[in-house]
């Protein structure tokens, strides 16, 4: 169970949860190696995990150069290979024109 303790007007909230003892030992070791307090490490790790989870669900992420190349290929796909021609023809016969 997670308990969120919020104070009116506060910029931070307190979150209380239960974790297995072995997880606490692991997290404490990681916090020590990172030179952070346990609280700071939890806050950083939770924020990172949340951003990562959202990024994973957001779709593809490309560098600007790769994005430009991708869009260029979408706009100008070039000549279809014989296999793609056959696939397009089959699609049009079974489903209809693209």
N, C-alpha and C. Protein backbone atom coordinates (compact mmCIF):
# COMPACT_ATOMS: atom_id res chain seq x y z
N UNK A 1 0.84 -1.18 0.00
CA UNK A 1 0.00 0.00 0.00
C UNK A 1 0.89 1.24 0.00
N UNK A 2 0.50 2.23 -0.77
CA UNK A 2 1.22 3.49 -0.81
C UNK A 2 0.36 4.56 -0.17
N UNK A 3 0.96 5.35 0.69
CA UNK A 3 0.25 6.43 1.36
C UNK A 3 0.92 7.74 0.97
N UNK A 4 0.13 8.67 0.44
CA UNK A 4 0.66 9.99 0.08
C UNK A 4 0.19 10.98 1.13
N UNK A 5 1.14 11.68 1.72
CA UNK A 5 0.84 12.67 2.76
C UNK A 5 1.16 14.03 2.17
N UNK A 6 0.13 14.82 1.94
CA UNK A 6 0.26 16.10 1.26
C UNK A 6 -0.08 17.23 2.22
N UNK A 7 0.74 18.26 2.23
CA UNK A 7 0.46 19.45 3.04
C UNK A 7 0.01 20.57 2.12
N UNK A 8 -1.04 21.30 2.48
CA UNK A 8 -1.50 22.41 1.63
C UNK A 8 -0.37 23.41 1.38
N UNK A 9 -0.18 23.75 0.12
CA UNK A 9 0.84 24.73 -0.25
C UNK A 9 2.25 24.18 -0.34
N UNK A 10 2.44 22.92 -0.03
CA UNK A 10 3.78 22.34 -0.06
C UNK A 10 4.19 22.03 -1.50
N UNK A 11 5.47 22.14 -1.78
CA UNK A 11 5.97 21.82 -3.11
C UNK A 11 6.42 20.37 -3.19
N UNK A 12 6.49 19.71 -2.05
CA UNK A 12 6.86 18.29 -2.00
C UNK A 12 5.84 17.55 -1.17
N UNK A 13 5.71 16.26 -1.41
CA UNK A 13 4.82 15.42 -0.62
C UNK A 13 5.62 14.27 -0.04
N UNK A 14 5.09 13.69 1.00
CA UNK A 14 5.71 12.51 1.62
C UNK A 14 4.96 11.29 1.12
N UNK A 15 5.70 10.29 0.67
CA UNK A 15 5.12 9.04 0.20
C UNK A 15 5.63 7.92 1.10
N UNK A 16 4.70 7.15 1.63
CA UNK A 16 5.07 6.04 2.50
C UNK A 16 4.62 4.74 1.83
N UNK A 17 5.50 3.76 1.78
CA UNK A 17 5.16 2.46 1.22
C UNK A 17 5.95 1.38 1.94
N UNK A 18 5.57 0.17 1.74
CA UNK A 18 6.30 -0.96 2.31
C UNK A 18 7.04 -1.67 1.20
N UNK A 19 8.30 -2.02 1.47
CA UNK A 19 9.10 -2.79 0.51
C UNK A 19 9.76 -3.94 1.25
N UNK A 20 10.12 -4.99 0.54
CA UNK A 20 10.81 -6.10 1.20
C UNK A 20 12.16 -5.64 1.77
N UNK A 21 12.57 -6.26 2.85
CA UNK A 21 13.83 -5.92 3.52
C UNK A 21 15.01 -6.01 2.55
N UNK A 22 15.03 -7.07 1.72
CA UNK A 22 16.17 -7.23 0.79
C UNK A 22 16.19 -6.11 -0.26
N UNK A 23 15.02 -5.57 -0.60
CA UNK A 23 14.99 -4.43 -1.53
C UNK A 23 15.57 -3.19 -0.86
N UNK A 24 15.23 -3.00 0.41
CA UNK A 24 15.78 -1.86 1.15
C UNK A 24 17.30 -1.94 1.21
N UNK A 25 17.84 -3.12 1.46
CA UNK A 25 19.30 -3.29 1.51
C UNK A 25 19.90 -2.92 0.16
N UNK A 26 19.29 -3.39 -0.93
CA UNK A 26 19.78 -3.09 -2.28
C UNK A 26 19.72 -1.59 -2.57
N UNK A 27 18.60 -0.97 -2.22
CA UNK A 27 18.43 0.46 -2.47
C UNK A 27 19.41 1.28 -1.62
N UNK A 28 19.62 0.88 -0.38
CA UNK A 28 20.56 1.59 0.48
C UNK A 28 21.98 1.51 -0.08
N UNK A 29 22.36 0.33 -0.59
CA UNK A 29 23.68 0.18 -1.21
C UNK A 29 23.81 1.09 -2.43
N UNK A 30 22.77 1.13 -3.25
CA UNK A 30 22.80 1.98 -4.44
C UNK A 30 22.87 3.45 -4.06
N UNK A 31 22.12 3.86 -3.05
CA UNK A 31 22.14 5.24 -2.59
C UNK A 31 23.52 5.60 -2.07
N UNK A 32 24.13 4.70 -1.30
CA UNK A 32 25.47 4.94 -0.77
C UNK A 32 26.47 5.13 -1.90
N UNK A 33 26.41 4.26 -2.89
CA UNK A 33 27.34 4.36 -4.03
C UNK A 33 27.12 5.63 -4.84
N UNK A 34 25.86 6.09 -4.90
CA UNK A 34 25.55 7.31 -5.64
C UNK A 34 25.85 8.56 -4.81
N UNK A 35 26.18 8.37 -3.52
CA UNK A 35 26.46 9.51 -2.66
C UNK A 35 25.20 10.28 -2.31
N UNK A 36 24.07 9.59 -2.23
CA UNK A 36 22.80 10.24 -1.93
C UNK A 36 22.21 9.66 -0.66
N UNK A 37 21.34 10.46 -0.06
CA UNK A 37 20.58 9.92 1.07
C UNK A 37 19.56 8.94 0.50
N UNK A 38 19.04 8.11 1.36
CA UNK A 38 18.03 7.15 0.94
C UNK A 38 16.81 7.87 0.36
N UNK A 39 16.37 8.93 1.01
CA UNK A 39 15.21 9.70 0.53
C UNK A 39 15.48 10.30 -0.85
N UNK A 40 16.66 10.92 -1.01
CA UNK A 40 16.98 11.52 -2.31
C UNK A 40 17.09 10.46 -3.40
N UNK A 41 17.67 9.32 -3.06
CA UNK A 41 17.80 8.25 -4.04
C UNK A 41 16.43 7.74 -4.47
N UNK A 42 15.53 7.53 -3.50
CA UNK A 42 14.17 7.10 -3.82
C UNK A 42 13.49 8.10 -4.75
N UNK A 43 13.58 9.39 -4.41
CA UNK A 43 12.92 10.42 -5.21
C UNK A 43 13.48 10.44 -6.64
N UNK A 44 14.80 10.35 -6.76
CA UNK A 44 15.42 10.34 -8.08
C UNK A 44 15.03 9.10 -8.86
N UNK A 45 15.09 7.94 -8.22
CA UNK A 45 14.79 6.68 -8.89
C UNK A 45 13.33 6.61 -9.32
N UNK A 46 12.43 7.07 -8.48
CA UNK A 46 11.01 7.05 -8.81
C UNK A 46 10.74 7.97 -10.00
N UNK A 47 11.33 9.15 -9.98
CA UNK A 47 11.16 10.08 -11.09
C UNK A 47 11.70 9.50 -12.39
N UNK A 48 12.88 8.88 -12.31
CA UNK A 48 13.48 8.27 -13.50
C UNK A 48 12.61 7.13 -14.02
N UNK A 49 12.12 6.28 -13.14
CA UNK A 49 11.28 5.16 -13.55
C UNK A 49 9.98 5.64 -14.18
N UNK A 50 9.40 6.70 -13.64
CA UNK A 50 8.16 7.23 -14.20
C UNK A 50 8.40 7.81 -15.59
N UNK A 51 9.49 8.59 -15.74
CA UNK A 51 9.81 9.14 -17.07
C UNK A 51 10.06 8.04 -18.07
N UNK A 52 10.79 7.01 -17.65
CA UNK A 52 11.10 5.89 -18.54
C UNK A 52 9.83 5.15 -18.96
N UNK A 53 8.93 4.93 -18.02
CA UNK A 53 7.67 4.25 -18.34
C UNK A 53 6.85 5.05 -19.33
N UNK A 54 6.80 6.36 -19.14
CA UNK A 54 6.07 7.22 -20.08
C UNK A 54 6.75 7.25 -21.44
N UNK A 55 8.06 7.35 -21.46
CA UNK A 55 8.81 7.36 -22.72
C UNK A 55 8.62 6.06 -23.48
N UNK A 56 8.59 4.94 -22.76
CA UNK A 56 8.43 3.64 -23.40
C UNK A 56 7.09 3.54 -24.10
N UNK A 57 6.09 4.23 -23.61
CA UNK A 57 4.75 4.18 -24.18
C UNK A 57 4.50 5.30 -25.19
N UNK A 58 5.43 6.22 -25.34
CA UNK A 58 5.21 7.40 -26.17
C UNK A 58 5.41 7.15 -27.66
N UNK A 59 5.99 6.04 -28.03
CA UNK A 59 6.26 5.78 -29.44
C UNK A 59 7.75 5.83 -29.70
N UNK A 60 8.09 6.08 -30.95
CA UNK A 60 9.50 6.07 -31.30
C UNK A 60 10.13 7.42 -30.99
N UNK A 61 11.39 7.38 -30.69
CA UNK A 61 12.14 8.59 -30.42
C UNK A 61 13.39 8.55 -31.29
N UNK A 62 13.54 9.55 -32.16
CA UNK A 62 14.65 9.57 -33.09
C UNK A 62 15.49 10.83 -32.91
N UNK A 63 16.76 10.71 -33.23
CA UNK A 63 17.61 11.89 -33.31
C UNK A 63 17.12 12.72 -34.48
N UNK A 64 17.36 14.03 -34.47
CA UNK A 64 16.85 14.89 -35.55
C UNK A 64 17.24 14.41 -36.95
N UNK A 65 18.48 13.95 -37.12
CA UNK A 65 18.92 13.49 -38.45
C UNK A 65 18.14 12.24 -38.87
N UNK A 66 17.94 11.32 -37.95
CA UNK A 66 17.20 10.10 -38.25
C UNK A 66 15.73 10.42 -38.52
N UNK A 67 15.18 11.37 -37.77
CA UNK A 67 13.79 11.76 -37.99
C UNK A 67 13.61 12.34 -39.40
N UNK A 68 14.54 13.19 -39.82
CA UNK A 68 14.46 13.77 -41.16
C UNK A 68 14.56 12.70 -42.24
N UNK A 69 15.45 11.74 -42.06
CA UNK A 69 15.58 10.65 -43.03
C UNK A 69 14.31 9.80 -43.06
N UNK A 70 13.73 9.53 -41.91
CA UNK A 70 12.51 8.74 -41.83
C UNK A 70 11.36 9.43 -42.56
N UNK A 71 11.18 10.72 -42.31
CA UNK A 71 10.11 11.47 -42.96
C UNK A 71 10.35 11.53 -44.47
N UNK A 72 11.59 11.72 -44.87
CA UNK A 72 11.91 11.76 -46.31
C UNK A 72 11.52 10.45 -46.98
N UNK A 73 11.79 9.33 -46.33
CA UNK A 73 11.41 8.03 -46.89
C UNK A 73 9.90 7.84 -46.92
N UNK A 74 9.20 8.37 -45.94
CA UNK A 74 7.74 8.29 -45.96
C UNK A 74 7.15 9.12 -47.10
N UNK A 75 7.71 10.29 -47.33
CA UNK A 75 7.20 11.18 -48.37
C UNK A 75 7.62 10.73 -49.77
N UNK A 76 8.78 10.12 -49.88
CA UNK A 76 9.31 9.66 -51.17
C UNK A 76 9.81 8.23 -51.03
N UNK A 77 8.89 7.26 -51.02
CA UNK A 77 9.29 5.89 -50.71
C UNK A 77 10.15 5.22 -51.78
N UNK A 78 10.22 5.77 -52.96
CA UNK A 78 11.04 5.14 -54.00
C UNK A 78 10.28 4.01 -54.70
N UNK A 79 11.00 3.25 -55.47
CA UNK A 79 10.42 2.18 -56.27
C UNK A 79 10.15 0.96 -55.39
N UNK A 80 8.97 0.36 -55.59
CA UNK A 80 8.64 -0.85 -54.84
C UNK A 80 9.41 -2.04 -55.38
N UNK A 81 9.83 -2.89 -54.49
CA UNK A 81 10.47 -4.13 -54.90
C UNK A 81 9.40 -5.05 -55.50
N UNK A 82 9.81 -6.07 -56.28
CA UNK A 82 8.81 -6.99 -56.85
C UNK A 82 7.93 -7.63 -55.76
N UNK A 83 8.50 -7.97 -54.63
CA UNK A 83 7.71 -8.57 -53.55
C UNK A 83 6.67 -7.58 -53.02
N UNK A 84 7.05 -6.32 -52.89
CA UNK A 84 6.10 -5.31 -52.42
C UNK A 84 5.01 -5.06 -53.47
N UNK A 85 5.37 -5.11 -54.74
CA UNK A 85 4.37 -4.97 -55.82
C UNK A 85 3.34 -6.10 -55.70
N UNK A 86 3.82 -7.32 -55.50
CA UNK A 86 2.91 -8.47 -55.36
C UNK A 86 2.03 -8.31 -54.12
N UNK A 87 2.61 -7.84 -53.03
CA UNK A 87 1.85 -7.64 -51.81
C UNK A 87 0.78 -6.57 -52.01
N UNK A 88 1.14 -5.48 -52.68
CA UNK A 88 0.16 -4.41 -52.96
C UNK A 88 -0.96 -4.94 -53.84
N UNK A 89 -0.61 -5.69 -54.89
CA UNK A 89 -1.62 -6.25 -55.78
C UNK A 89 -2.56 -7.19 -55.04
N UNK A 90 -1.98 -8.03 -54.18
CA UNK A 90 -2.79 -8.96 -53.39
C UNK A 90 -3.72 -8.20 -52.43
N UNK A 91 -3.19 -7.17 -51.80
CA UNK A 91 -3.99 -6.34 -50.90
C UNK A 91 -5.16 -5.72 -51.66
N UNK A 92 -4.92 -5.20 -52.85
CA UNK A 92 -5.98 -4.57 -53.62
C UNK A 92 -7.03 -5.59 -54.05
N UNK A 93 -6.61 -6.83 -54.36
CA UNK A 93 -7.58 -7.87 -54.74
C UNK A 93 -8.43 -8.28 -53.55
N UNK A 94 -7.80 -8.42 -52.37
CA UNK A 94 -8.52 -8.93 -51.20
C UNK A 94 -9.30 -7.85 -50.45
N UNK A 95 -8.72 -6.66 -50.35
CA UNK A 95 -9.29 -5.63 -49.48
C UNK A 95 -9.76 -4.41 -50.27
N UNK A 96 -9.03 -4.05 -51.27
CA UNK A 96 -9.37 -2.86 -52.06
C UNK A 96 -8.15 -1.98 -52.20
N UNK A 97 -8.29 -0.94 -53.01
CA UNK A 97 -7.15 -0.05 -53.25
C UNK A 97 -6.66 0.62 -51.97
N UNK A 98 -5.37 0.92 -51.98
CA UNK A 98 -4.78 1.62 -50.85
C UNK A 98 -5.25 3.05 -50.80
